[in-house]
Amino acid sequence: MFDPQTRELLRTRPNPLTWDQAHHVQSVRPAGPPPRPRTEPVTVQRRVSASGVITVASQPISLGRAQAGAVVTVHVSDTTLTVDTPDGQQRTYRRATAQPVRSIKAYRPRTTTHVS
């Protein structure tokens, strides 16, 4: 699936049709230009744990206990992770993994309607 305006690839799904079924589909439109990967850094949010650590793309980053409980914004590029802390500091870390970001907003505050 991709965004129709920007042709940016959002996610992929397996094709439910076999090759023979897809070959016999009528009224098929020709494919447009191929989807292009995202070029700008991915921006994610994380809540700092009580020990002062966040995890982005399976890479733990220690921010210190002074940041415990704070929500930070992380800009993920191919080679670096840039963390914007609530006190206005910006810290840059070298990226140690090549894994993609799976979660954009992790550890968001959850509220309950009642307590049992």
PDB file of N, CA and C in Angstrom:
ATOM      1  N   MET A   1       0.844  -1.167   0.000  1.00  0.00           N
ATOM      2  CA  MET A   1       0.000   0.000   0.000  1.00  0.00           C
ATOM      3  C   MET A   1       0.891   1.231   0.000  1.00  0.00           C
ATOM      4  N   PHE A   2       0.467   2.240  -0.699  1.00  0.00           N
ATOM      5  CA  PHE A   2       1.254   3.453  -0.776  1.00  0.00           C
ATOM      6  C   PHE A   2       0.337   4.655  -0.801  1.00  0.00           C
ATOM      7  N   ASP A   3       0.902   5.799  -0.476  1.00  0.00           N
ATOM      8  CA  ASP A   3       0.173   7.055  -0.485  1.00  0.00           C
ATOM      9  C   ASP A   3      -0.030   7.476  -1.938  1.00  0.00           C
ATOM     10  N   PRO A   4      -1.277   7.701  -2.398  1.00  0.00           N
ATOM     11  CA  PRO A   4      -1.505   8.019  -3.813  1.00  0.00           C
ATOM     12  C   PRO A   4      -0.888   9.348  -4.260  1.00  0.00           C
ATOM     13  N   GLN A   5      -0.781  10.328  -3.364  1.00  0.00           N
ATOM     14  CA  GLN A   5      -0.240  11.621  -3.763  1.00  0.00           C
ATOM     15  C   GLN A   5       1.279  11.596  -3.878  1.00  0.00           C
ATOM     16  N   THR A   6       1.962  11.006  -2.907  1.00  0.00           N
ATOM     17  CA  THR A   6       3.424  11.066  -2.890  1.00  0.00           C
ATOM     18  C   THR A   6       4.084   9.787  -3.395  1.00  0.00           C
ATOM     19  N   ARG A   7       3.298   8.723  -3.605  1.00  0.00           N
ATOM     20  CA  ARG A   7       3.814   7.412  -4.021  1.00  0.00           C
ATOM     21  C   ARG A   7       4.805   6.843  -3.004  1.00  0.00           C
ATOM     22  N   GLU A   8       4.666   7.243  -1.743  1.00  0.00           N
ATOM     23  CA  GLU A   8       5.540   6.740  -0.680  1.00  0.00           C
ATOM     24  C   GLU A   8       5.008   5.401  -0.195  1.00  0.00           C
ATOM     25  N   LEU A   9       5.876   4.410  -0.107  1.00  0.00           N
ATOM     26  CA  LEU A   9       5.499   3.077   0.329  1.00  0.00           C
ATOM     27  C   LEU A   9       5.178   3.098   1.813  1.00  0.00           C
ATOM     28  N   LEU A  10       3.950   2.696   2.181  1.00  0.00           N
ATOM     29  CA  LEU A  10       3.535   2.700   3.576  1.00  0.00           C
ATOM     30  C   LEU A  10       3.670   1.316   4.209  1.00  0.00           C
ATOM     31  N   ARG A  11       3.191   0.274   3.523  1.00  0.00           N
ATOM     32  CA  ARG A  11       3.347  -1.095   4.013  1.00  0.00           C
ATOM     33  C   ARG A  11       3.082  -2.070   2.888  1.00  0.00           C
ATOM     34  N   THR A  12       3.507  -3.305   3.062  1.00  0.00           N
ATOM     35  CA  THR A  12       3.303  -4.328   2.048  1.00  0.00           C
ATOM     36  C   THR A  12       2.458  -5.449   2.609  1.00  0.00           C
ATOM     37  N   ARG A  13       1.709  -6.101   1.746  1.00  0.00           N
ATOM     38  CA  ARG A  13       0.883  -7.243   2.104  1.00  0.00           C
ATOM     39  C   ARG A  13       1.082  -8.313   1.041  1.00  0.00           C
ATOM     40  N   PRO A  14       0.924  -9.578   1.357  1.00  0.00           N
ATOM     41  CA  PRO A  14       1.062 -10.621   0.341  1.00  0.00           C
ATOM     42  C   PRO A  14      -0.115 -10.576  -0.632  1.00  0.00           C
ATOM     43  N   ASN A  15       0.132 -10.944  -1.876  1.00  0.00           N
ATOM     44  CA  ASN A  15      -0.903 -10.961  -2.895  1.00  0.00           C
ATOM     45  C   ASN A  15      -1.792 -12.181  -2.681  1.00  0.00           C
ATOM     46  N   PRO A  16      -3.127 -11.997  -2.536  1.00  0.00           N
ATOM     47  CA  PRO A  16      -4.009 -13.145  -2.304  1.00  0.00           C
ATOM     48  C   PRO A  16      -4.257 -13.966  -3.567  1.00  0.00           C
ATOM     49  N   LEU A  17      -3.917 -13.429  -4.746  1.00  0.00           N
ATOM     50  CA  LEU A  17      -4.156 -14.131  -6.004  1.00  0.00           C
ATOM     51  C   LEU A  17      -2.931 -14.940  -6.415  1.00  0.00           C
ATOM     52  N   THR A  18      -3.201 -16.092  -7.050  1.00  0.00           N
ATOM     53  CA  THR A  18      -2.099 -16.847  -7.630  1.00  0.00           C
ATOM     54  C   THR A  18      -1.690 -16.166  -8.925  1.00  0.00           C
ATOM     55  N   TRP A  19      -0.582 -16.610  -9.522  1.00  0.00           N
ATOM     56  CA  TRP A  19      -0.108 -15.982 -10.745  1.00  0.00           C
ATOM     57  C   TRP A  19      -1.127 -16.159 -11.862  1.00  0.00           C
ATOM     58  N   ASP A  20      -1.754 -17.346 -11.975  1.00  0.00           N
ATOM     59  CA  ASP A  20      -2.749 -17.592 -13.022  1.00  0.00           C
ATOM     60  C   ASP A  20      -3.982 -16.716 -12.829  1.00  0.00           C
ATOM     61  N   GLN A  21      -4.439 -16.544 -11.589  1.00  0.00           N
ATOM     62  CA  GLN A  21      -5.595 -15.691 -11.326  1.00  0.00           C
ATOM     63  C   GLN A  21      -5.292 -14.239 -11.668  1.00  0.00           C
ATOM     64  N   ALA A  22      -4.115 -13.775 -11.309  1.00  0.00           N
ATOM     65  CA  ALA A  22      -3.748 -12.385 -11.604  1.00  0.00           C
ATOM     66  C   ALA A  22      -3.587 -12.164 -13.099  1.00  0.00           C
ATOM     67  N   HIS A  23      -3.171 -13.178 -13.838  1.00  0.00           N
ATOM     68  CA  HIS A  23      -2.966 -13.058 -15.282  1.00  0.00           C
ATOM     69  C   HIS A  23      -4.295 -12.899 -16.020  1.00  0.00           C
ATOM     70  N   HIS A  24      -5.378 -13.451 -15.454  1.00  0.00           N
ATOM     71  CA  HIS A  24      -6.681 -13.414 -16.115  1.00  0.00           C
ATOM     72  C   HIS A  24      -7.610 -12.318 -15.593  1.00  0.00           C
ATOM     73  N   VAL A  25      -7.127 -11.423 -14.790  1.00  0.00           N
ATOM     74  CA  VAL A  25      -7.952 -10.329 -14.279  1.00  0.00           C
ATOM     75  C   VAL A  25      -8.242  -9.364 -15.420  1.00  0.00           C
ATOM     76  N   GLN A  26      -9.524  -8.970 -15.569  1.00  0.00           N
ATOM     77  CA  GLN A  26      -9.922  -8.060 -16.636  1.00  0.00           C
ATOM     78  C   GLN A  26      -9.952  -6.623 -16.128  1.00  0.00           C
ATOM     79  N   SER A  27      -9.864  -5.678 -17.036  1.00  0.00           N
ATOM     80  CA  SER A  27      -9.914  -4.234 -16.744  1.00  0.00           C
ATOM     81  C   SER A  27      -8.779  -3.814 -15.813  1.00  0.00           C
ATOM     82  N   VAL A  28      -7.623  -4.330 -16.054  1.00  0.00           N
ATOM     83  CA  VAL A  28      -6.466  -4.022 -15.216  1.00  0.00           C
ATOM     84  C   VAL A  28      -5.811  -2.747 -15.724  1.00  0.00           C
ATOM     85  N   ARG A  29      -5.502  -1.816 -14.829  1.00  0.00           N
ATOM     86  CA  ARG A  29      -4.798  -0.585 -15.201  1.00  0.00           C
ATOM     87  C   ARG A  29      -3.300  -0.837 -15.166  1.00  0.00           C
ATOM     88  N   PRO A  30      -2.557  -0.160 -16.019  1.00  0.00           N
ATOM     89  CA  PRO A  30      -1.107  -0.307 -15.929  1.00  0.00           C
ATOM     90  C   PRO A  30      -0.594   0.330 -14.638  1.00  0.00           C
ATOM     91  N   ALA A  31       0.489  -0.206 -14.142  1.00  0.00           N
ATOM     92  CA  ALA A  31       1.059   0.301 -12.891  1.00  0.00           C
ATOM     93  C   ALA A  31       1.643   1.688 -13.095  1.00  0.00           C
ATOM     94  N   GLY A  32       1.583   2.505 -12.056  1.00  0.00           N
ATOM     95  CA  GLY A  32       2.174   3.838 -12.098  1.00  0.00           C
ATOM     96  C   GLY A  32       3.661   3.756 -11.824  1.00  0.00           C
ATOM     97  N   PRO A  33       4.276   4.879 -11.535  1.00  0.00           N
ATOM     98  CA  PRO A  33       5.708   4.837 -11.211  1.00  0.00           C
ATOM     99  C   PRO A  33       5.932   4.037  -9.932  1.00  0.00           C
ATOM    100  N   PRO A  34       7.086   3.413  -9.791  1.00  0.00           N
ATOM    101  CA  PRO A  34       7.325   2.595  -8.595  1.00  0.00           C
ATOM    102  C   PRO A  34       7.336   3.457  -7.343  1.00  0.00           C
ATOM    103  N   PRO A  35       6.893   2.897  -6.213  1.00  0.00           N
ATOM    104  CA  PRO A  35       6.922   3.656  -4.969  1.00  0.00           C
ATOM    105  C   PRO A  35       8.348   3.959  -4.553  1.00  0.00           C
ATOM    106  N   ARG A  36       8.542   5.112  -3.941  1.00  0.00           N
ATOM    107  CA  ARG A  36       9.875   5.511  -3.522  1.00  0.00           C
ATOM    108  C   ARG A  36       9.978   5.418  -2.008  1.00  0.00           C
ATOM    109  N   PRO A  37      11.123   5.032  -1.488  1.00  0.00           N
ATOM    110  CA  PRO A  37      11.274   4.954  -0.033  1.00  0.00           C
ATOM    111  C   PRO A  37      11.333   6.346   0.590  1.00  0.00           C
ATOM    112  N   ARG A  38      11.067   6.402   1.851  1.00  0.00           N
ATOM    113  CA  ARG A  38      11.102   7.662   2.586  1.00  0.00           C
ATOM    114  C   ARG A  38      12.527   8.193   2.615  1.00  0.00           C
ATOM    115  N   THR A  39      12.692   9.486   2.341  1.00  0.00           N
ATOM    116  CA  THR A  39      14.027  10.077   2.320  1.00  0.00           C
ATOM    117  C   THR A  39      14.336  10.853   3.596  1.00  0.00           C
ATOM    118  N   GLU A  40      13.335  11.431   4.233  1.00  0.00           N
ATOM    119  CA  GLU A  40      13.581  12.203   5.441  1.00  0.00           C
ATOM    120  C   GLU A  40      13.604  11.275   6.649  1.00  0.00           C
ATOM    121  N   PRO A  41      14.195  11.716   7.764  1.00  0.00           N
ATOM    122  CA  PRO A  41      14.249  10.859   8.950  1.00  0.00           C
ATOM    123  C   PRO A  41      12.856  10.569   9.505  1.00  0.00           C
ATOM    124  N   VAL A  42      12.701   9.405  10.090  1.00  0.00           N
ATOM    125  CA  VAL A  42      11.466   9.023  10.755  1.00  0.00           C
ATOM    126  C   VAL A  42      11.479   9.644  12.145  1.00  0.00           C
ATOM    127  N   THR A  43      10.371  10.234  12.568  1.00  0.00           N
ATOM    128  CA  THR A  43      10.276  10.845  13.894  1.00  0.00           C
ATOM    129  C   THR A  43       9.389   9.972  14.770  1.00  0.00           C
ATOM    130  N   VAL A  44       9.910   9.562  15.923  1.00  0.00           N
ATOM    131  CA  VAL A  44       9.169   8.716  16.845  1.00  0.00           C
ATOM    132  C   VAL A  44       9.194   9.344  18.234  1.00  0.00           C
ATOM    133  N   GLN A  45       8.271   8.900  19.087  1.00  0.00           N
ATOM    134  CA  GLN A  45       8.234   9.349  20.476  1.00  0.00           C
ATOM    135  C   GLN A  45       8.439   8.153  21.392  1.00  0.00           C
ATOM    136  N   ARG A  46       9.138   8.370  22.471  1.00  0.00           N
ATOM    137  CA  ARG A  46       9.367   7.335  23.470  1.00  0.00           C
ATOM    138  C   ARG A  46       9.246   7.941  24.859  1.00  0.00           C
ATOM    139  N   ARG A  47       8.771   7.139  25.802  1.00  0.00           N
ATOM    140  CA  ARG A  47       8.750   7.545  27.203  1.00  0.00           C
ATOM    141  C   ARG A  47       9.961   6.925  27.874  1.00  0.00           C
ATOM    142  N   VAL A  48      10.715   7.733  28.585  1.00  0.00           N
ATOM    143  CA  VAL A  48      11.943   7.280  29.235  1.00  0.00           C
ATOM    144  C   VAL A  48      11.566   6.430  30.444  1.00  0.00           C
ATOM    145  N   SER A  49      12.208   5.269  30.577  1.00  0.00           N
ATOM    146  CA  SER A  49      11.913   4.362  31.691  1.00  0.00           C
ATOM    147  C   SER A  49      12.426   4.945  33.004  1.00  0.00           C
ATOM    148  N   ALA A  50      12.107   4.276  34.097  1.00  0.00           N
ATOM    149  CA  ALA A  50      12.537   4.731  35.419  1.00  0.00           C
ATOM    150  C   ALA A  50      14.054   4.689  35.567  1.00  0.00           C
ATOM    151  N   SER A  51      14.701   3.827  34.784  1.00  0.00           N
ATOM    152  CA  SER A  51      16.157   3.754  34.841  1.00  0.00           C
ATOM    153  C   SER A  51      16.815   4.718  33.851  1.00  0.00           C
ATOM    154  N   GLY A  52      16.032   5.465  33.074  1.00  0.00           N
ATOM    155  CA  GLY A  52      16.575   6.466  32.164  1.00  0.00           C
ATOM    156  C   GLY A  52      16.955   5.940  30.797  1.00  0.00           C
ATOM    157  N   VAL A  53      16.341   4.831  30.358  1.00  0.00           N
ATOM    158  CA  VAL A  53      16.700   4.205  29.086  1.00  0.00           C
ATOM    159  C   VAL A  53      15.493   4.189  28.152  1.00  0.00           C
ATOM    160  N   ILE A  54      15.729   4.435  26.857  1.00  0.00           N
ATOM    161  CA  ILE A  54      14.718   4.246  25.826  1.00  0.00           C
ATOM    162  C   ILE A  54      15.271   3.247  24.813  1.00  0.00           C
ATOM    163  N   THR A  55      14.379   2.632  24.030  1.00  0.00           N
ATOM    164  CA  THR A  55      14.793   1.701  22.991  1.00  0.00           C
ATOM    165  C   THR A  55      14.159   2.115  21.682  1.00  0.00           C
ATOM    166  N   VAL A  56      14.991   2.336  20.667  1.00  0.00           N
ATOM    167  CA  VAL A  56      14.534   2.694  19.337  1.00  0.00           C
ATOM    168  C   VAL A  56      15.197   1.751  18.350  1.00  0.00           C
ATOM    169  N   ALA A  57      14.404   1.071  17.524  1.00  0.00           N
ATOM    170  CA  ALA A  57      14.910   0.130  16.519  1.00  0.00           C
ATOM    171  C   ALA A  57      15.825  -0.907  17.162  1.00  0.00           C
ATOM    172  N   SER A  58      15.416  -1.445  18.289  1.00  0.00           N
ATOM    173  CA  SER A  58      16.148  -2.456  19.058  1.00  0.00           C
ATOM    174  C   SER A  58      17.501  -1.964  19.553  1.00  0.00           C
ATOM    175  N   GLN A  59      17.689  -0.666  19.655  1.00  0.00           N
ATOM    176  CA  GLN A  59      18.931  -0.100  20.181  1.00  0.00           C
ATOM    177  C   GLN A  59      18.623   0.656  21.467  1.00  0.00           C
ATOM    178  N   PRO A  60      19.146   0.196  22.613  1.00  0.00           N
ATOM    179  CA  PRO A  60      18.916   0.926  23.855  1.00  0.00           C
ATOM    180  C   PRO A  60      19.777   2.192  23.920  1.00  0.00           C
ATOM    181  N   ILE A  61      19.170   3.270  24.413  1.00  0.00           N
ATOM    182  CA  ILE A  61      19.870   4.548  24.560  1.00  0.00           C
ATOM    183  C   ILE A  61      19.674   5.014  25.986  1.00  0.00           C
ATOM    184  N   SER A  62      20.770   5.268  26.684  1.00  0.00           N
ATOM    185  CA  SER A  62      20.712   5.718  28.064  1.00  0.00           C
ATOM    186  C   SER A  62      20.717   7.241  28.102  1.00  0.00           C
ATOM    187  N   LEU A  63      19.643   7.818  28.663  1.00  0.00           N
ATOM    188  CA  LEU A  63      19.533   9.275  28.777  1.00  0.00           C
ATOM    189  C   LEU A  63      19.791   9.763  30.193  1.00  0.00           C
ATOM    190  N   GLY A  64      19.780   8.872  31.168  1.00  0.00           N
ATOM    191  CA  GLY A  64      20.013   9.255  32.558  1.00  0.00           C
ATOM    192  C   GLY A  64      18.723   9.291  33.350  1.00  0.00           C
ATOM    193  N   ARG A  65      18.845   9.081  34.637  1.00  0.00           N
ATOM    194  CA  ARG A  65      17.661   9.045  35.504  1.00  0.00           C
ATOM    195  C   ARG A  65      16.964  10.398  35.629  1.00  0.00           C
ATOM    196  N   ALA A  66      17.651  11.473  35.312  1.00  0.00           N
ATOM    197  CA  ALA A  66      17.018  12.796  35.386  1.00  0.00           C
ATOM    198  C   ALA A  66      15.894  12.925  34.360  1.00  0.00           C
ATOM    199  N   GLN A  67      15.930  12.134  33.295  1.00  0.00           N
ATOM    200  CA  GLN A  67      14.904  12.182  32.251  1.00  0.00           C
ATOM    201  C   GLN A  67      13.800  11.141  32.473  1.00  0.00           C
ATOM    202  N   ALA A  68      13.838  10.397  33.575  1.00  0.00           N
ATOM    203  CA  ALA A  68      12.880   9.316  33.822  1.00  0.00           C
ATOM    204  C   ALA A  68      11.447   9.827  33.770  1.00  0.00           C
ATOM    205  N   GLY A  69      10.614   9.119  33.008  1.00  0.00           N
ATOM    206  CA  GLY A  69       9.201   9.460  32.888  1.00  0.00           C
ATOM    207  C   GLY A  69       8.893  10.498  31.833  1.00  0.00           C
ATOM    208  N   ALA A  70       9.884  11.133  31.277  1.00  0.00           N
ATOM    209  CA  ALA A  70       9.661  12.171  30.269  1.00  0.00           C
ATOM    210  C   ALA A  70       9.400  11.531  28.907  1.00  0.00           C
ATOM    211  N   VAL A  71       8.642  12.225  28.072  1.00  0.00           N
ATOM    212  CA  VAL A  71       8.409  11.795  26.698  1.00  0.00           C
ATOM    213  C   VAL A  71       9.388  12.548  25.819  1.00  0.00           C
ATOM    214  N   VAL A  72      10.202  11.813  25.051  1.00  0.00           N
ATOM    215  CA  VAL A  72      11.214  12.418  24.194  1.00  0.00           C
ATOM    216  C   VAL A  72      10.871  12.134  22.736  1.00  0.00           C
ATOM    217  N   THR A  73      11.351  12.985  21.854  1.00  0.00           N
ATOM    218  CA  THR A  73      11.183  12.815  20.419  1.00  0.00           C
ATOM    219  C   THR A  73      12.518  12.378  19.834  1.00  0.00           C
ATOM    220  N   VAL A  74      12.485  11.333  19.006  1.00  0.00           N
ATOM    221  CA  VAL A  74      13.703  10.791  18.409  1.00  0.00           C
ATOM    222  C   VAL A  74      13.578  10.865  16.895  1.00  0.00           C
ATOM    223  N   HIS A  75      14.579  11.462  16.239  1.00  0.00           N
ATOM    224  CA  HIS A  75      14.638  11.528  14.784  1.00  0.00           C
ATOM    225  C   HIS A  75      15.599  10.436  14.328  1.00  0.00           C
ATOM    226  N   VAL A  76      15.075   9.445  13.591  1.00  0.00           N
ATOM    227  CA  VAL A  76      15.850   8.269  13.192  1.00  0.00           C
ATOM    228  C   VAL A  76      16.234   8.411  11.728  1.00  0.00           C
ATOM    229  N   SER A  77      17.534   8.481  11.440  1.00  0.00           N
ATOM    230  CA  SER A  77      18.020   8.476  10.062  1.00  0.00           C
ATOM    231  C   SER A  77      18.815   7.192   9.840  1.00  0.00           C
ATOM    232  N   ASP A  78      19.460   7.067   8.688  1.00  0.00           N
ATOM    233  CA  ASP A  78      20.197   5.849   8.374  1.00  0.00           C
ATOM    234  C   ASP A  78      21.394   5.631   9.292  1.00  0.00           C
ATOM    235  N   THR A  79      22.038   6.707   9.732  1.00  0.00           N
ATOM    236  CA  THR A  79      23.279   6.570  10.492  1.00  0.00           C
ATOM    237  C   THR A  79      23.209   7.121  11.911  1.00  0.00           C
ATOM    238  N   THR A  80      22.217   7.953  12.230  1.00  0.00           N
ATOM    239  CA  THR A  80      22.177   8.592  13.549  1.00  0.00           C
ATOM    240  C   THR A  80      20.790   8.530  14.169  1.00  0.00           C
ATOM    241  N   LEU A  81      20.758   8.690  15.477  1.00  0.00           N
ATOM    242  CA  LEU A  81      19.536   8.876  16.259  1.00  0.00           C
ATOM    243  C   LEU A  81      19.703  10.196  17.003  1.00  0.00           C
ATOM    244  N   THR A  82      18.819  11.153  16.761  1.00  0.00           N
ATOM    245  CA  THR A  82      18.880  12.443  17.428  1.00  0.00           C
ATOM    246  C   THR A  82      17.712  12.541  18.395  1.00  0.00           C
ATOM    247  N   VAL A  83      18.010  12.735  19.675  1.00  0.00           N
ATOM    248  CA  VAL A  83      17.002  12.752  20.731  1.00  0.00           C
ATOM    249  C   VAL A  83      16.776  14.184  21.174  1.00  0.00           C
ATOM    250  N   ASP A  84      15.517  14.645  21.117  1.00  0.00           N
ATOM    251  CA  ASP A  84      15.122  15.955  21.640  1.00  0.00           C
ATOM    252  C   ASP A  84      14.503  15.738  23.010  1.00  0.00           C
ATOM    253  N   THR A  85      15.144  16.252  24.059  1.00  0.00           N
ATOM    254  CA  THR A  85      14.644  16.086  25.419  1.00  0.00           C
ATOM    255  C   THR A  85      13.750  17.266  25.785  1.00  0.00           C
ATOM    256  N   PRO A  86      12.881  17.086  26.797  1.00  0.00           N
ATOM    257  CA  PRO A  86      11.977  18.170  27.186  1.00  0.00           C
ATOM    258  C   PRO A  86      12.686  19.418  27.707  1.00  0.00           C
ATOM    259  N   ASP A  87      13.919  19.289  28.207  1.00  0.00           N
ATOM    260  CA  ASP A  87      14.629  20.463  28.714  1.00  0.00           C
ATOM    261  C   ASP A  87      15.333  21.241  27.606  1.00  0.00           C
ATOM    262  N   GLY A  88      15.084  20.890  26.341  1.00  0.00           N
ATOM    263  CA  GLY A  88      15.621  21.653  25.221  1.00  0.00           C
ATOM    264  C   GLY A  88      16.943  21.157  24.669  1.00  0.00           C
ATOM    265  N   GLN A  89      17.526  20.131  25.261  1.00  0.00           N
ATOM    266  CA  GLN A  89      18.785  19.602  24.757  1.00  0.00           C
ATOM    267  C   GLN A  89      18.531  18.689  23.569  1.00  0.00           C
ATOM    268  N   GLN A  90      19.525  18.595  22.715  1.00  0.00           N
ATOM    269  CA  GLN A  90      19.461  17.694  21.576  1.00  0.00           C
ATOM    270  C   GLN A  90      20.721  16.832  21.587  1.00  0.00           C
ATOM    271  N   ARG A  91      20.542  15.526  21.696  1.00  0.00           N
ATOM    272  CA  ARG A  91      21.669  14.605  21.766  1.00  0.00           C
ATOM    273  C   ARG A  91      21.658  13.724  20.525  1.00  0.00           C
ATOM    274  N   THR A  92      22.837  13.482  19.959  1.00  0.00           N
ATOM    275  CA  THR A  92      22.962  12.655  18.760  1.00  0.00           C
ATOM    276  C   THR A  92      23.774  11.412  19.089  1.00  0.00           C
ATOM    277  N   TYR A  93      23.254  10.252  18.671  1.00  0.00           N
ATOM    278  CA  TYR A  93      23.908   8.970  18.896  1.00  0.00           C
ATOM    279  C   TYR A  93      24.106   8.286  17.554  1.00  0.00           C
ATOM    280  N   ARG A  94      25.191   7.549  17.422  1.00  0.00           N
ATOM    281  CA  ARG A  94      25.432   6.764  16.203  1.00  0.00           C
ATOM    282  C   ARG A  94      24.511   5.551  16.220  1.00  0.00           C
ATOM    283  N   ARG A  95      23.925   5.257  15.090  1.00  0.00           N
ATOM    284  CA  ARG A  95      23.019   4.119  15.002  1.00  0.00           C
ATOM    285  C   ARG A  95      23.817   2.819  14.922  1.00  0.00           C
ATOM    286  N   ALA A  96      23.490   1.865  15.804  1.00  0.00           N
ATOM    287  CA  ALA A  96      24.247   0.619  15.896  1.00  0.00           C
ATOM    288  C   ALA A  96      23.522  -0.546  15.235  1.00  0.00           C
ATOM    289  N   THR A  97      22.249  -0.382  14.882  1.00  0.00           N
ATOM    290  CA  THR A  97      21.493  -1.450  14.237  1.00  0.00           C
ATOM    291  C   THR A  97      20.939  -0.946  12.918  1.00  0.00           C
ATOM    292  N   ALA A  98      20.643  -1.890  12.033  1.00  0.00           N
ATOM    293  CA  ALA A  98      20.038  -1.544  10.745  1.00  0.00           C
ATOM    294  C   ALA A  98      18.563  -1.920  10.714  1.00  0.00           C
ATOM    295  N   GLN A  99      18.005  -2.274  11.847  1.00  0.00           N
ATOM    296  CA  GLN A  99      16.605  -2.686  11.903  1.00  0.00           C
ATOM    297  C   GLN A  99      15.687  -1.497  11.680  1.00  0.00           C
ATOM    298  N   PRO A 100      14.544  -1.714  11.025  1.00  0.00           N
ATOM    299  CA  PRO A 100      13.606  -0.609  10.824  1.00  0.00           C
ATOM    300  C   PRO A 100      12.864  -0.276  12.115  1.00  0.00           C
ATOM    301  N   VAL A 101      12.305   0.913  12.169  1.00  0.00           N
ATOM    302  CA  VAL A 101      11.494   1.332  13.311  1.00  0.00           C
ATOM    303  C   VAL A 101      10.136   0.658  13.178  1.00  0.00           C
ATOM    304  N   ARG A 102       9.721  -0.068  14.213  1.00  0.00           N
ATOM    305  CA  ARG A 102       8.447  -0.778  14.156  1.00  0.00           C
ATOM    306  C   ARG A 102       7.330  -0.033  14.856  1.00  0.00           C
ATOM    307  N   SER A 103       7.652   0.813  15.792  1.00  0.00           N
ATOM    308  CA  SER A 103       6.638   1.501  16.576  1.00  0.00           C
ATOM    309  C   SER A 103       6.942   2.994  16.580  1.00  0.00           C
ATOM    310  N   ILE A 104       5.939   3.785  16.199  1.00  0.00           N
ATOM    311  CA  ILE A 104       6.127   5.232  16.155  1.00  0.00           C
ATOM    312  C   ILE A 104       5.908   5.850  17.530  1.00  0.00           C
ATOM    313  N   LYS A 105       4.873   5.400  18.233  1.00  0.00           N
ATOM    314  CA  LYS A 105       4.540   5.981  19.531  1.00  0.00           C
ATOM    315  C   LYS A 105       4.472   4.865  20.569  1.00  0.00           C
ATOM    316  N   ALA A 106       5.557   4.611  21.240  1.00  0.00           N
ATOM    317  CA  ALA A 106       5.594   3.552  22.233  1.00  0.00           C
ATOM    318  C   ALA A 106       5.458   4.122  23.633  1.00  0.00           C
ATOM    319  N   TYR A 107       4.936   3.308  24.524  1.00  0.00           N
ATOM    320  CA  TYR A 107       4.807   3.665  25.939  1.00  0.00           C
ATOM    321  C   TYR A 107       3.997   4.938  26.160  1.00  0.00           C
ATOM    322  N   ARG A 108       2.935   5.109  25.391  1.00  0.00           N
ATOM    323  CA  ARG A 108       2.074   6.268  25.622  1.00  0.00           C
ATOM    324  C   ARG A 108       1.296   6.064  26.919  1.00  0.00           C
ATOM    325  N   PRO A 109       0.908   7.122  27.583  1.00  0.00           N
ATOM    326  CA  PRO A 109       0.182   6.949  28.839  1.00  0.00           C
ATOM    327  C   PRO A 109      -1.182   6.310  28.590  1.00  0.00           C
ATOM    328  N   ARG A 110      -1.502   5.316  29.353  1.00  0.00           N
ATOM    329  CA  ARG A 110      -2.783   4.641  29.204  1.00  0.00           C
ATOM    330  C   ARG A 110      -3.646   4.971  30.422  1.00  0.00           C
ATOM    331  N   THR A 111      -4.901   5.245  30.169  1.00  0.00           N
ATOM    332  CA  THR A 111      -5.825   5.572  31.259  1.00  0.00           C
ATOM    333  C   THR A 111      -6.896   4.506  31.331  1.00  0.00           C
ATOM    334  N   THR A 112      -7.428   4.294  32.503  1.00  0.00           N
ATOM    335  CA  THR A 112      -8.502   3.336  32.692  1.00  0.00           C
ATOM    336  C   THR A 112      -9.768   4.084  33.078  1.00  0.00           C
ATOM    337  N   THR A 113     -10.891   3.507  32.729  1.00  0.00           N
ATOM    338  CA  THR A 113     -12.164   4.139  33.074  1.00  0.00           C
ATOM    339  C   THR A 113     -12.596   3.790  34.497  1.00  0.00           C
ATOM    340  N   HIS A 114     -12.176   2.622  34.980  1.00  0.00           N
ATOM    341  CA  HIS A 114     -12.534   2.216  36.333  1.00  0.00           C
ATOM    342  C   HIS A 114     -11.478   1.252  36.876  1.00  0.00           C
ATOM    343  N   VAL A 115     -11.457   1.107  38.176  1.00  0.00           N
ATOM    344  CA  VAL A 115     -10.532   0.200  38.828  1.00  0.00           C
ATOM    345  C   VAL A 115     -11.338  -0.914  39.449  1.00  0.00           C
ATOM    346  N   SER A 116     -10.968  -2.172  39.170  1.00  0.00           N
ATOM    347  CA  SER A 116     -11.717  -3.317  39.707  1.00  0.00           C
ATOM    348  C   SER A 116     -11.201  -3.698  41.078  1.00  0.00           C
TER     349      SER A 116
END
